[in-house]
């Protein structure tokens, strides 16, 4: 393809990606493409490097690897008919995953495609004569560092090359950590501060550096006991301080607003996958856990859930034990009621514009829109009829959508109603099928994580209990929109901080990394007893091993696979 035409097509993607409006459509051929300015060409070169992030962050890719492998999420073979998938979700949860797992392969491929696109950008941008290229080069390099963090975290290696015509050098351990660190430090002066959460900004670089330093001990020795260096914990504090004191970010008083459809402008977001509606985002984070008989949108009777993963009883019990005789819903991060029928059964008729499903961790009998023969029932006044839900779409009309705490791989524990479900991200009001479209930015780094990473670093260095407690309570105290925030904690240690990270970041694809760093990944939980520390790292996909077979010794499979 003509290079100028390629740049034109990429530029068209850029216009969609960055949300420009009032655009007139022009048909461009290879002749008219020659009229692109260097700025337009630079725009078109950078956007493909970002464009794969929504694909990486789908429910069966990065989410599956980071959540279903942990005590937070479990996905049984529903009813013996759904989500069987040759046992890959059972294996993911039980740490018996193999090098032929398609979700591992797809995640690997997408991330490495992202790396490749950043290298293309790093080679192409210097040929253009526009001042913006300096910033764009820094963004591409920073994004390559982020993709490299993902491969280091999940597979224990990093691919490095600058020349498109050469083979990548493979780094592991200390070398890999140093490469990523140096890349991020190199771009920090040149990235911008106020470009929004969807791009590599100064805040994003600071957040990624803090995360890298916090996990460096694990990355150096992935199968051993992490030896956290005091000087690295100081660096975590330093970069978290930069985020907190920058004045650009603020903690949201409504916890679930962080995950709303319009969260792109939420001041808590530091770095995120830009998923606004005009970017062809997906709704998978919202639909994945809901029942197939929960229909969140009066306008779209085909938009529903899929009876995917629930949370384990083990994870739920961390909430229950923390609050003792009080229900965990006193913590505004646990649950947000939007349907008044739960507290007032007489409210069974709801105007379509006012209908919103509940958010957070959903327990017990679920109520919602009643669908008969493909259409929703209405009250005599034209409002939407709301009532008790049953598993009609599963041909189980007598089985109530009544979520139970028990969920496991037994026949009883794998039924469609088992497991408390999670509805953290707002269900897109434009998702005609429940799967497509998605306005909500998917969060990579947010301000609360800066506070809690800083707290952890202070604890790991020693002597920082009071300062760590203050950081944790600052986050808890911020969630005031619906009344009383979670009660302040009176003491702090690493176990309490680990628990607090579970409460704050559940379902945000941080759990596996947290469990490894806190020494919890070899623990036993529902349907998981494997204690092999080598399962902290995923197998390199067999397709990648096979593809490199003509280079003996180049790509060595990770231990135990």
Protein backbone atom coordinates (compact mmCIF):
# COMPACT_ATOMS: atom_id res chain seq x y z
CA UNK A 1 0.00 0.00 0.00
CA UNK A 2 1.21 3.51 -0.80
CA UNK A 3 2.71 4.98 2.38
CA UNK A 4 0.83 8.24 1.98
CA UNK A 5 -2.47 6.42 1.62
CA UNK A 6 -1.65 4.40 4.74
CA UNK A 7 -1.04 7.62 6.65
CA UNK A 8 -4.37 8.97 5.41
CA UNK A 9 -6.23 5.92 6.64
CA UNK A 10 -4.44 6.07 9.98
CA UNK A 11 -5.25 9.77 10.23
CA UNK A 12 -8.92 8.98 9.75
CA UNK A 13 -8.64 6.59 12.70
CA UNK A 14 -6.94 9.31 14.71
CA UNK A 15 -9.85 11.68 14.17
CA UNK A 16 -12.21 9.06 15.54
CA UNK A 17 -9.83 8.11 18.38
CA UNK A 18 -9.40 11.59 19.76
CA UNK A 19 -13.07 12.44 19.46
CA UNK A 20 -12.99 15.28 16.93
CA UNK A 21 -16.42 16.50 15.89
CA UNK A 22 -18.06 18.38 13.03
CA UNK A 23 -15.92 16.60 10.46
CA UNK A 24 -16.75 16.64 6.80
CA UNK A 25 -16.11 13.35 5.03
CA UNK A 26 -13.72 13.58 2.09
CA UNK A 27 -12.96 10.70 -0.22
CA UNK A 28 -9.18 10.40 -0.41
CA UNK A 29 -7.21 8.55 -3.01
CA UNK A 30 -3.46 8.29 -3.41
CA UNK A 31 -3.37 11.65 -5.15
CA UNK A 32 -5.31 13.61 -2.55
CA UNK A 33 -3.41 11.81 0.25
CA UNK A 34 -0.30 13.65 -0.81
CA UNK A 35 -1.83 16.80 0.65
CA UNK A 36 -1.41 15.60 4.23
CA UNK A 37 0.64 17.85 6.42
CA UNK A 38 3.42 16.42 8.58
CA UNK A 39 1.21 17.04 11.62
CA UNK A 40 -1.59 14.97 10.08
CA UNK A 41 0.84 12.22 9.16
CA UNK A 42 2.23 12.21 12.71
CA UNK A 43 -1.29 11.89 14.07
CA UNK A 44 -1.90 8.91 11.85
CA UNK A 45 1.33 7.20 12.85
CA UNK A 46 0.72 7.47 16.60
CA UNK A 47 -2.88 6.28 16.82
CA UNK A 48 -2.31 2.61 15.85
CA UNK A 49 0.02 2.27 18.83
CA UNK A 50 -2.91 3.03 21.15
CA UNK A 51 -5.65 1.38 19.11
CA UNK A 52 -5.24 -2.18 20.42
CA UNK A 53 -5.73 -1.28 24.09
CA UNK A 54 -9.52 -1.87 24.06
CA UNK A 55 -8.92 -5.33 22.56
CA UNK A 56 -6.35 -6.19 25.22
CA UNK A 57 -8.80 -5.11 27.90
CA UNK A 58 -11.66 -7.36 26.84
CA UNK A 59 -13.21 -9.86 29.22
CA UNK A 60 -11.52 -12.96 27.82
CA UNK A 61 -8.06 -11.44 27.45
CA UNK A 62 -6.32 -9.37 30.12
CA UNK A 63 -9.27 -9.58 32.51
CA UNK A 64 -9.31 -13.37 32.41
CA UNK A 65 -5.59 -13.60 33.13
CA UNK A 66 -5.59 -11.03 35.92
CA UNK A 67 -8.89 -11.85 37.66
CA UNK A 68 -10.08 -15.39 36.93
CA UNK A 69 -6.66 -16.68 38.01
CA UNK A 70 -7.31 -15.21 41.48
CA UNK A 71 -9.61 -15.45 44.48
CA UNK A 72 -11.75 -12.59 43.16
CA UNK A 73 -13.34 -14.22 40.10
CA UNK A 74 -14.46 -17.74 39.23
CA UNK A 75 -16.19 -18.89 36.05
CA UNK A 76 -17.77 -22.36 36.25
CA UNK A 77 -19.28 -24.41 33.43
CA UNK A 78 -22.69 -22.75 33.71
CA UNK A 79 -25.50 -25.29 33.73
CA UNK A 80 -23.24 -27.71 31.91
CA UNK A 81 -23.86 -25.80 28.69
CA UNK A 82 -22.28 -22.32 28.91
CA UNK A 83 -18.69 -21.13 29.35
CA UNK A 84 -17.28 -24.65 29.09
CA UNK A 85 -14.70 -23.60 26.49
CA UNK A 86 -12.74 -26.83 26.81
CA UNK A 87 -12.10 -26.12 30.48
CA UNK A 88 -9.86 -23.08 30.00
CA UNK A 89 -11.63 -21.01 32.68
CA UNK A 90 -11.50 -23.87 35.15
CA UNK A 91 -7.80 -24.28 34.44
CA UNK A 92 -7.16 -20.54 34.72
CA UNK A 93 -8.72 -20.48 38.18
CA UNK A 94 -6.98 -23.69 39.31
CA UNK A 95 -3.55 -22.65 37.98
CA UNK A 96 -3.35 -25.56 35.56
CA UNK A 97 -3.24 -23.36 32.46
CA UNK A 98 -1.14 -24.55 29.52
CA UNK A 99 0.72 -23.08 26.57
CA UNK A 100 -2.24 -23.80 24.26
CA UNK A 101 -4.73 -21.67 26.25
CA UNK A 102 -6.39 -19.39 23.65
CA UNK A 103 -6.94 -16.50 26.06
CA UNK A 104 -3.25 -16.47 26.99
CA UNK A 105 -2.33 -16.65 23.31
CA UNK A 106 -4.71 -13.85 22.29
CA UNK A 107 -3.52 -11.56 25.08
CA UNK A 108 0.12 -12.23 24.16
CA UNK A 109 -0.53 -11.55 20.48
CA UNK A 110 -2.39 -8.30 21.09
CA UNK A 111 0.27 -6.91 23.45
CA UNK A 112 3.10 -7.80 21.08
CA UNK A 113 1.19 -6.23 18.19
CA UNK A 114 1.02 -3.12 20.36
CA UNK A 115 4.78 -3.27 20.89
CA UNK A 116 5.29 -3.62 17.15
CA UNK A 117 3.14 -0.59 16.44
CA UNK A 118 5.10 1.53 18.89
CA UNK A 119 8.33 0.52 17.14
CA UNK A 120 6.80 1.48 13.79
CA UNK A 121 5.91 4.87 15.26
CA UNK A 122 9.38 5.33 16.71
CA UNK A 123 10.89 4.72 13.27
CA UNK A 124 8.42 6.78 11.24
CA UNK A 125 7.92 9.88 13.38
CA UNK A 126 11.53 11.19 13.09
CA UNK A 127 11.05 11.49 9.31
CA UNK A 128 8.43 14.22 9.81
CA UNK A 129 9.07 17.89 10.33
CA UNK A 130 6.56 19.05 12.90
CA UNK A 131 7.14 20.16 16.52
CA UNK A 132 4.53 17.66 17.77
CA UNK A 133 6.73 14.73 16.80
CA UNK A 134 8.89 15.19 19.91
CA UNK A 135 5.86 14.66 22.12
CA UNK A 136 4.53 11.83 19.99
CA UNK A 137 7.88 10.05 20.06
CA UNK A 138 7.84 10.24 23.84
CA UNK A 139 4.29 8.88 23.97
CA UNK A 140 5.13 5.99 21.65
CA UNK A 141 8.20 5.15 23.71
CA UNK A 142 6.24 5.39 26.96
CA UNK A 143 3.50 3.20 25.55
CA UNK A 144 6.10 0.63 24.51
CA UNK A 145 7.32 0.66 28.11
CA UNK A 146 3.77 0.01 29.33
CA UNK A 147 3.29 -2.90 26.94
CA UNK A 148 6.67 -4.21 28.11
CA UNK A 149 5.50 -4.01 31.72
CA UNK A 150 2.58 -6.23 30.77
CA UNK A 151 4.78 -8.88 29.17
CA UNK A 152 7.20 -8.75 32.10
CA UNK A 153 4.39 -9.05 34.63
CA UNK A 154 2.62 -11.95 32.92
CA UNK A 155 5.40 -13.84 31.10
CA UNK A 156 8.59 -12.66 32.81
CA UNK A 157 10.23 -11.20 29.72
CA UNK A 158 10.52 -8.11 27.56
CA UNK A 159 11.22 -7.83 23.83
CA UNK A 160 13.52 -4.98 22.85
CA UNK A 161 14.44 -3.66 19.43
CA UNK A 162 14.59 -0.32 17.65
CA UNK A 163 15.33 -1.46 14.09
CA UNK A 164 12.32 -3.02 12.38
CA UNK A 165 14.57 -5.30 10.36
CA UNK A 166 16.25 -7.03 13.30
CA UNK A 167 15.21 -9.68 15.80
CA UNK A 168 14.23 -8.48 19.23
CA UNK A 169 16.54 -8.96 22.15
CA UNK A 170 14.84 -10.78 25.03
CA UNK A 171 15.37 -9.38 28.53
CA UNK A 172 14.38 -10.95 31.84
CA UNK A 173 14.79 -10.08 35.50
CA UNK A 174 16.93 -7.08 36.43
CA UNK A 175 17.73 -6.24 32.80
CA UNK A 176 14.04 -6.04 31.95
CA UNK A 177 13.26 -3.85 34.96
CA UNK A 178 16.10 -1.49 34.11
CA UNK A 179 15.02 -1.23 30.48
CA UNK A 180 11.44 -0.25 31.36
CA UNK A 181 12.62 2.15 34.08
CA UNK A 182 15.05 3.89 31.76
CA UNK A 183 12.45 4.18 29.01
CA UNK A 184 9.94 5.83 31.33
CA UNK A 185 12.54 8.16 32.81
CA UNK A 186 13.64 9.16 29.30
CA UNK A 187 10.15 10.19 28.20
CA UNK A 188 9.08 11.94 31.40
CA UNK A 189 10.40 15.39 30.36
CA UNK A 190 8.78 15.27 26.90
CA UNK A 191 5.25 13.97 27.51
CA UNK A 192 2.55 16.51 28.24
CA UNK A 193 0.69 16.95 31.50
CA UNK A 194 -2.81 17.78 30.31
CA UNK A 195 -3.65 15.41 27.47
CA UNK A 196 -6.33 13.44 29.35
CA UNK A 197 -6.26 9.92 30.74
CA UNK A 198 -6.32 8.20 27.35
CA UNK A 199 -2.73 9.07 26.45
CA UNK A 200 0.72 8.76 28.00
CA UNK A 201 1.01 11.87 30.16
CA UNK A 202 3.34 12.90 32.95
CA UNK A 203 0.86 11.46 35.45
CA UNK A 204 0.72 8.18 33.53
CA UNK A 205 4.52 7.95 33.52
CA UNK A 206 4.67 8.66 37.26
CA UNK A 207 2.03 6.02 37.94
CA UNK A 208 3.78 3.41 35.83
CA UNK A 209 7.14 4.17 37.45
CA UNK A 210 5.61 3.80 40.91
CA UNK A 211 4.05 0.47 39.88
CA UNK A 212 7.32 -0.72 38.37
CA UNK A 213 9.37 0.12 41.47
CA UNK A 214 6.74 -1.48 43.71
CA UNK A 215 6.86 -4.76 41.76
CA UNK A 216 10.55 -4.71 40.83
CA UNK A 217 11.46 -7.22 43.56
CA UNK A 218 8.98 -9.70 42.08
CA UNK A 219 10.14 -9.10 38.52
CA UNK A 220 13.80 -9.67 39.45
CA UNK A 221 13.02 -13.03 41.08
CA UNK A 222 9.53 -14.11 39.98
CA UNK A 223 9.59 -17.50 41.75
CA UNK A 224 11.27 -16.45 44.98
CA UNK A 225 10.39 -14.36 48.01
CA UNK A 226 10.48 -10.68 47.01
CA UNK A 227 13.27 -8.61 48.57
CA UNK A 228 11.90 -5.08 48.54
CA UNK A 229 14.70 -2.51 48.44
CA UNK A 230 14.25 0.58 50.65
CA UNK A 231 15.55 2.84 47.88
CA UNK A 232 12.92 1.46 45.49
CA UNK A 233 10.19 2.03 48.05
CA UNK A 234 11.44 5.62 48.29
CA UNK A 235 10.96 5.89 44.53
CA UNK A 236 7.40 4.61 44.83
CA UNK A 237 6.71 7.34 47.36
CA UNK A 238 8.42 9.94 45.17
CA UNK A 239 6.34 9.24 42.08
CA UNK A 240 3.09 8.84 44.00
CA UNK A 241 3.86 12.19 45.65
CA UNK A 242 4.15 13.73 42.19
CA UNK A 243 0.69 12.48 41.23
CA UNK A 244 -0.95 13.50 44.50
CA UNK A 245 0.66 16.94 44.65
CA UNK A 246 0.26 17.77 40.93
CA UNK A 247 -3.17 19.31 41.50
CA UNK A 248 -4.47 17.58 38.37
CA UNK A 249 -6.27 14.72 40.07
CA UNK A 250 -8.84 14.35 42.82
CA UNK A 251 -10.61 11.48 44.54
CA UNK A 252 -14.23 11.03 43.46
CA UNK A 253 -16.82 11.38 46.20
CA UNK A 254 -19.10 8.92 44.34
CA UNK A 255 -17.12 5.73 43.99
CA UNK A 256 -19.07 4.36 41.05
CA UNK A 257 -18.74 7.60 39.08
CA UNK A 258 -15.15 6.48 38.47
CA UNK A 259 -16.64 3.73 36.27
CA UNK A 260 -19.54 5.61 34.68
CA UNK A 261 -20.06 5.99 30.95
CA UNK A 262 -18.79 9.58 31.08
CA UNK A 263 -15.73 8.87 33.23
CA UNK A 264 -13.24 10.26 30.68
CA UNK A 265 -13.40 13.59 32.52
CA UNK A 266 -13.40 12.07 36.00
CA UNK A 267 -10.50 13.64 37.87
CA UNK A 268 -9.55 10.39 39.58
CA UNK A 269 -8.35 8.82 36.30
CA UNK A 270 -4.62 9.10 35.64
CA UNK A 271 -4.17 6.63 32.77
CA UNK A 272 -6.91 4.66 31.05
CA UNK A 273 -8.04 2.95 27.87
CA UNK A 274 -9.94 5.65 25.97
CA UNK A 275 -13.25 4.01 25.16
CA UNK A 276 -15.62 6.85 24.41
CA UNK A 277 -18.53 5.91 22.16
CA UNK A 278 -17.00 7.29 18.98
CA UNK A 279 -13.96 5.09 19.49
CA UNK A 280 -15.84 1.81 18.96
CA UNK A 281 -15.26 0.66 22.52
CA UNK A 282 -16.80 -2.48 23.99
CA UNK A 283 -19.22 -3.14 26.85
CA UNK A 284 -17.73 -6.45 27.94
CA UNK A 285 -16.70 -5.32 31.43
CA UNK A 286 -20.36 -4.48 32.11
CA UNK A 287 -22.11 -7.47 30.56
CA UNK A 288 -19.70 -10.26 31.53
CA UNK A 289 -20.93 -10.99 35.07
CA UNK A 290 -24.62 -10.12 34.72
CA UNK A 291 -27.31 -12.74 34.26
CA UNK A 292 -28.59 -13.47 30.78
CA UNK A 293 -31.97 -12.46 32.17
CA UNK A 294 -30.87 -9.04 33.35
CA UNK A 295 -31.76 -6.47 30.71
CA UNK A 296 -30.31 -3.08 31.67
CA UNK A 297 -31.68 -0.97 28.79
CA UNK A 298 -35.38 -0.26 28.12
CA UNK A 299 -34.45 0.79 24.57
CA UNK A 300 -32.74 -2.50 23.66
CA UNK A 301 -34.49 -5.81 24.51
CA UNK A 302 -31.52 -7.74 23.05
CA UNK A 303 -28.98 -6.22 25.45
CA UNK A 304 -28.39 -8.50 28.40
CA UNK A 305 -25.72 -10.22 30.44
CA UNK A 306 -24.09 -13.58 29.88
CA UNK A 307 -23.92 -15.35 33.29
CA UNK A 308 -20.15 -15.17 33.34
CA UNK A 309 -17.94 -14.99 36.42
CA UNK A 310 -19.00 -14.38 39.99
CA UNK A 311 -16.85 -13.59 42.99
CA UNK A 312 -15.69 -16.43 45.19
CA UNK A 313 -17.10 -16.91 48.65
CA UNK A 314 -13.53 -16.42 49.88
CA UNK A 315 -13.40 -12.88 48.51
CA UNK A 316 -16.90 -12.05 49.71
CA UNK A 317 -15.98 -13.18 53.19
CA UNK A 318 -13.16 -10.63 53.37
CA UNK A 319 -15.90 -7.98 53.20
CA UNK A 320 -18.20 -9.81 55.62
CA UNK A 321 -15.46 -10.32 58.21
CA UNK A 322 -14.26 -6.73 57.91
CA UNK A 323 -17.69 -5.36 58.80
CA UNK A 324 -18.78 -8.04 61.26
CA UNK A 325 -22.36 -7.56 62.38
CA UNK A 326 -22.91 -4.81 59.80
CA UNK A 327 -23.72 -5.58 56.19
CA UNK A 328 -20.82 -4.82 53.80
CA UNK A 329 -23.11 -2.49 51.85
CA UNK A 330 -22.38 0.19 54.44
CA UNK A 331 -19.19 0.59 52.44
CA UNK A 332 -20.20 2.69 49.40
CA UNK A 333 -17.66 0.85 47.28
CA UNK A 334 -19.47 -2.45 47.76
CA UNK A 335 -22.89 -1.58 46.35
CA UNK A 336 -25.04 1.18 44.93
CA UNK A 337 -28.80 0.74 44.76
CA UNK A 338 -30.47 2.37 41.76
CA UNK A 339 -33.72 0.38 41.67
CA UNK A 340 -36.04 1.42 44.49
CA UNK A 341 -38.04 -1.82 44.29
CA UNK A 342 -35.43 -3.38 46.57
CA UNK A 343 -36.33 -1.05 49.39
CA UNK A 344 -39.94 -0.39 48.35
CA UNK A 345 -41.65 -3.30 46.53
CA UNK A 346 -44.46 -0.98 45.49
CA UNK A 347 -42.09 0.80 43.11
CA UNK A 348 -42.65 -1.74 40.34
CA UNK A 349 -43.31 0.79 37.56
CA UNK A 350 -40.34 2.90 36.46
CA UNK A 351 -40.10 5.51 33.74
CA UNK A 352 -37.73 4.29 31.02
CA UNK A 353 -35.50 7.33 31.40
CA UNK A 354 -35.12 6.62 35.12
CA UNK A 355 -34.34 2.92 34.88
CA UNK A 356 -30.80 2.03 35.94
CA UNK A 357 -29.60 -1.30 37.26
CA UNK A 358 -27.77 -1.56 40.55
CA UNK A 359 -24.00 -1.39 40.71
CA UNK A 360 -21.23 -3.09 42.63
CA UNK A 361 -21.56 -6.57 44.13
CA UNK A 362 -25.05 -7.95 43.45
CA UNK A 363 -26.47 -10.49 45.88
CA UNK A 364 -29.73 -12.37 46.26
CA UNK A 365 -32.94 -12.01 44.25
CA UNK A 366 -32.58 -9.68 41.31
CA UNK A 367 -35.34 -7.46 39.94
CA UNK A 368 -35.50 -5.82 36.57
CA UNK A 369 -37.25 -5.41 33.25
CA UNK A 370 -39.55 -8.30 32.37
CA UNK A 371 -39.19 -9.51 28.80
CA UNK A 372 -41.89 -11.62 27.13
CA UNK A 373 -41.68 -12.71 23.49
CA UNK A 374 -38.81 -10.29 22.88
CA UNK A 375 -40.57 -7.20 24.29
CA UNK A 376 -40.59 -5.59 27.73
CA UNK A 377 -43.79 -5.51 29.77
CA UNK A 378 -45.21 -2.11 30.59
CA UNK A 379 -47.49 -0.78 33.30
CA UNK A 380 -50.87 0.74 32.38
CA UNK A 381 -49.32 4.23 32.58
CA UNK A 382 -46.67 3.30 29.99
CA UNK A 383 -43.82 2.97 32.46
CA UNK A 384 -41.55 -0.06 32.44
CA UNK A 385 -42.76 -3.01 34.48
CA UNK A 386 -40.14 -4.13 37.01
CA UNK A 387 -40.38 -7.44 38.80
CA UNK A 388 -38.66 -10.57 40.07
CA UNK A 389 -36.40 -12.13 37.47
CA UNK A 390 -36.19 -15.77 36.43
CA UNK A 391 -33.83 -17.59 34.06
CA UNK A 392 -36.24 -17.56 31.13
CA UNK A 393 -33.55 -17.15 28.46
CA UNK A 394 -31.89 -20.31 29.79
CA UNK A 395 -35.18 -22.25 29.51
CA UNK A 396 -35.32 -22.42 33.30
CA UNK A 397 -38.42 -20.34 34.05
CA UNK A 398 -38.70 -21.64 37.61
CA UNK A 399 -35.09 -20.85 38.52
CA UNK A 400 -35.00 -17.36 40.04
CA UNK A 401 -32.18 -14.96 39.27
CA UNK A 402 -31.25 -15.21 42.92
CA UNK A 403 -27.49 -14.91 43.26
CA UNK A 404 -26.01 -17.15 45.95
CA UNK A 405 -22.75 -16.89 47.84
CA UNK A 406 -21.92 -20.47 46.91
CA UNK A 407 -20.20 -20.86 43.56
CA UNK A 408 -17.81 -23.64 42.60
CA UNK A 409 -17.24 -26.32 39.97
CA UNK A 410 -19.80 -28.81 41.32
CA UNK A 411 -23.07 -29.27 39.41
CA UNK A 412 -24.93 -27.36 42.14
CA UNK A 413 -22.33 -24.61 42.33
CA UNK A 414 -22.23 -24.14 38.56
CA UNK A 415 -25.88 -23.32 38.01
CA UNK A 416 -26.88 -20.06 36.34
CA UNK A 417 -27.80 -18.38 39.62
CA UNK A 418 -24.65 -19.17 41.58
CA UNK A 419 -22.16 -16.58 42.72
CA UNK A 420 -22.53 -12.96 43.69
CA UNK A 421 -22.01 -10.87 40.57
CA UNK A 422 -20.13 -7.65 39.84
CA UNK A 423 -21.51 -4.67 37.92
CA UNK A 424 -18.75 -2.12 38.43
CA UNK A 425 -18.60 -0.32 35.07
CA UNK A 426 -21.85 1.33 34.01
CA UNK A 427 -23.74 -0.58 31.32
CA UNK A 428 -23.51 1.45 28.11
CA UNK A 429 -26.86 2.93 27.14
CA UNK A 430 -25.86 2.54 23.48
CA UNK A 431 -25.01 -1.15 23.66
CA UNK A 432 -27.65 -2.70 21.41
CA UNK A 433 -26.49 -6.26 22.12
CA UNK A 434 -24.92 -5.82 25.55
CA UNK A 435 -21.52 -6.64 24.07
CA UNK A 436 -20.89 -3.79 21.66
CA UNK A 437 -20.04 -0.15 22.29
CA UNK A 438 -18.71 1.25 25.53
CA UNK A 439 -18.19 4.81 26.62
CA UNK A 440 -16.45 4.08 29.91
CA UNK A 441 -12.68 4.44 29.91
CA UNK A 442 -11.12 1.25 31.31
CA UNK A 443 -8.80 2.25 34.13
CA UNK A 444 -5.09 1.45 34.18
CA UNK A 445 -3.96 3.89 36.92
CA UNK A 446 -6.10 6.11 39.14
CA UNK A 447 -5.39 8.45 42.00
CA UNK A 448 -6.54 6.04 44.72
CA UNK A 449 -3.83 3.64 43.57
CA UNK A 450 -1.22 6.36 44.03
CA UNK A 451 -2.33 6.72 47.65
CA UNK A 452 -2.37 2.98 48.30
CA UNK A 453 0.92 2.28 46.49
CA UNK A 454 2.49 5.04 48.59
CA UNK A 455 1.02 3.50 51.74
CA UNK A 456 2.38 0.08 50.81
CA UNK A 457 5.85 1.43 50.08
CA UNK A 458 5.94 3.15 53.48
CA UNK A 459 4.95 -0.08 55.21
CA UNK A 460 7.47 -2.19 53.30
CA UNK A 461 10.28 0.19 54.14
CA UNK A 462 9.32 0.05 57.82
CA UNK A 463 8.29 2.69 60.32
CA UNK A 464 5.63 4.23 58.11
CA UNK A 465 2.49 2.82 59.71
CA UNK A 466 0.99 6.17 60.67
CA UNK A 467 1.59 7.73 57.25
CA UNK A 468 0.26 4.61 55.52
CA UNK A 469 -2.87 4.68 57.69
CA UNK A 470 -3.42 8.32 56.77
CA UNK A 471 -3.19 7.51 53.05
CA UNK A 472 -5.66 4.64 53.29
CA UNK A 473 -8.12 6.68 55.34
CA UNK A 474 -7.85 9.58 52.89
CA UNK A 475 -9.16 7.29 50.15
CA UNK A 476 -11.89 5.82 52.35
CA UNK A 477 -13.03 9.23 53.57
CA UNK A 478 -13.45 10.56 50.03
CA UNK A 479 -16.48 8.39 49.17
CA UNK A 480 -19.16 10.63 50.67
CA UNK A 481 -21.70 11.08 47.86
CA UNK A 482 -24.29 8.72 49.35
CA UNK A 483 -23.80 9.66 52.99
CA UNK A 484 -21.32 8.17 55.42
CA UNK A 485 -18.03 6.95 53.94
CA UNK A 486 -16.44 3.70 55.13
CA UNK A 487 -15.46 4.04 58.77
CA UNK A 488 -11.87 5.12 59.32
CA UNK A 489 -9.39 2.40 60.15
CA UNK A 490 -7.43 2.74 63.38
CA UNK A 491 -4.39 0.62 62.56
CA UNK A 492 -2.49 -0.41 59.44
CA UNK A 493 -0.24 -3.28 58.38
CA UNK A 494 0.43 -5.14 55.15
CA UNK A 495 -2.42 -7.62 55.66
CA UNK A 496 -4.91 -4.81 56.18
CA UNK A 497 -3.53 -2.94 53.21
CA UNK A 498 -3.89 -6.03 51.03
CA UNK A 499 -7.50 -6.34 52.14
CA UNK A 500 -8.06 -2.67 51.44
CA UNK A 501 -6.67 -3.00 47.91
CA UNK A 502 -9.21 -5.77 47.35
CA UNK A 503 -12.04 -3.50 48.47
CA UNK A 504 -10.88 -0.53 46.40
CA UNK A 505 -9.73 -2.24 43.18
CA UNK A 506 -11.84 -5.39 42.82
CA UNK A 507 -12.52 -6.32 39.17
CA UNK A 508 -9.91 -3.75 37.95
CA UNK A 509 -7.37 -6.32 36.72
CA UNK A 510 -4.83 -5.71 39.49
CA UNK A 511 -5.56 -8.73 41.67
CA UNK A 512 -3.12 -11.30 40.27
CA UNK A 513 -0.21 -8.85 40.44
CA UNK A 514 -1.22 -7.85 43.98
CA UNK A 515 -1.54 -11.47 45.13
CA UNK A 516 1.94 -12.33 43.88
CA UNK A 517 3.51 -9.27 45.49
CA UNK A 518 1.80 -9.96 48.83
CA UNK A 519 2.68 -13.68 48.76
CA UNK A 520 -0.94 -14.83 48.39
CA UNK A 521 -0.96 -16.42 44.93
CA UNK A 522 -0.06 -19.88 46.24
CA UNK A 523 -2.85 -19.78 48.84
CA UNK A 524 -5.86 -22.08 48.57
CA UNK A 525 -9.33 -20.75 47.77
CA UNK A 526 -12.53 -22.04 46.22
CA UNK A 527 -11.61 -24.79 43.72
CA UNK A 528 -7.92 -23.86 43.81
CA UNK A 529 -5.20 -25.67 45.79
CA UNK A 530 -2.17 -25.51 43.44
CA UNK A 531 0.76 -24.09 45.39
CA UNK A 532 3.39 -24.11 42.62
CA UNK A 533 5.14 -20.70 42.64
CA UNK A 534 6.10 -21.20 39.00
CA UNK A 535 2.46 -20.62 38.09
CA UNK A 536 2.97 -16.95 38.95
CA UNK A 537 4.19 -16.63 35.36
CA UNK A 538 2.02 -17.73 32.44
CA UNK A 539 3.28 -20.07 29.73
CA UNK A 540 4.55 -18.53 26.53
CA UNK A 541 1.98 -19.52 23.89
CA UNK A 542 2.97 -22.60 21.94
CA UNK A 543 2.34 -20.72 18.71
CA UNK A 544 5.08 -18.25 19.69
CA UNK A 545 7.49 -21.05 20.59
CA UNK A 546 6.76 -22.75 17.27
CA UNK A 547 7.15 -19.49 15.35
CA UNK A 548 10.64 -19.01 16.79
CA UNK A 549 11.71 -22.60 16.23
CA UNK A 550 14.04 -21.61 13.38
CA UNK A 551 16.11 -19.64 15.92
CA UNK A 552 17.45 -22.29 18.32
CA UNK A 553 17.54 -21.11 21.92
CA UNK A 554 15.94 -17.76 21.10
CA UNK A 555 12.59 -18.12 22.90
CA UNK A 556 12.75 -20.47 25.86
CA UNK A 557 9.49 -21.65 27.42
CA UNK A 558 8.90 -20.55 31.01
CA UNK A 559 9.63 -23.07 33.74
CA UNK A 560 7.07 -25.82 34.49
CA UNK A 561 5.32 -25.69 31.11
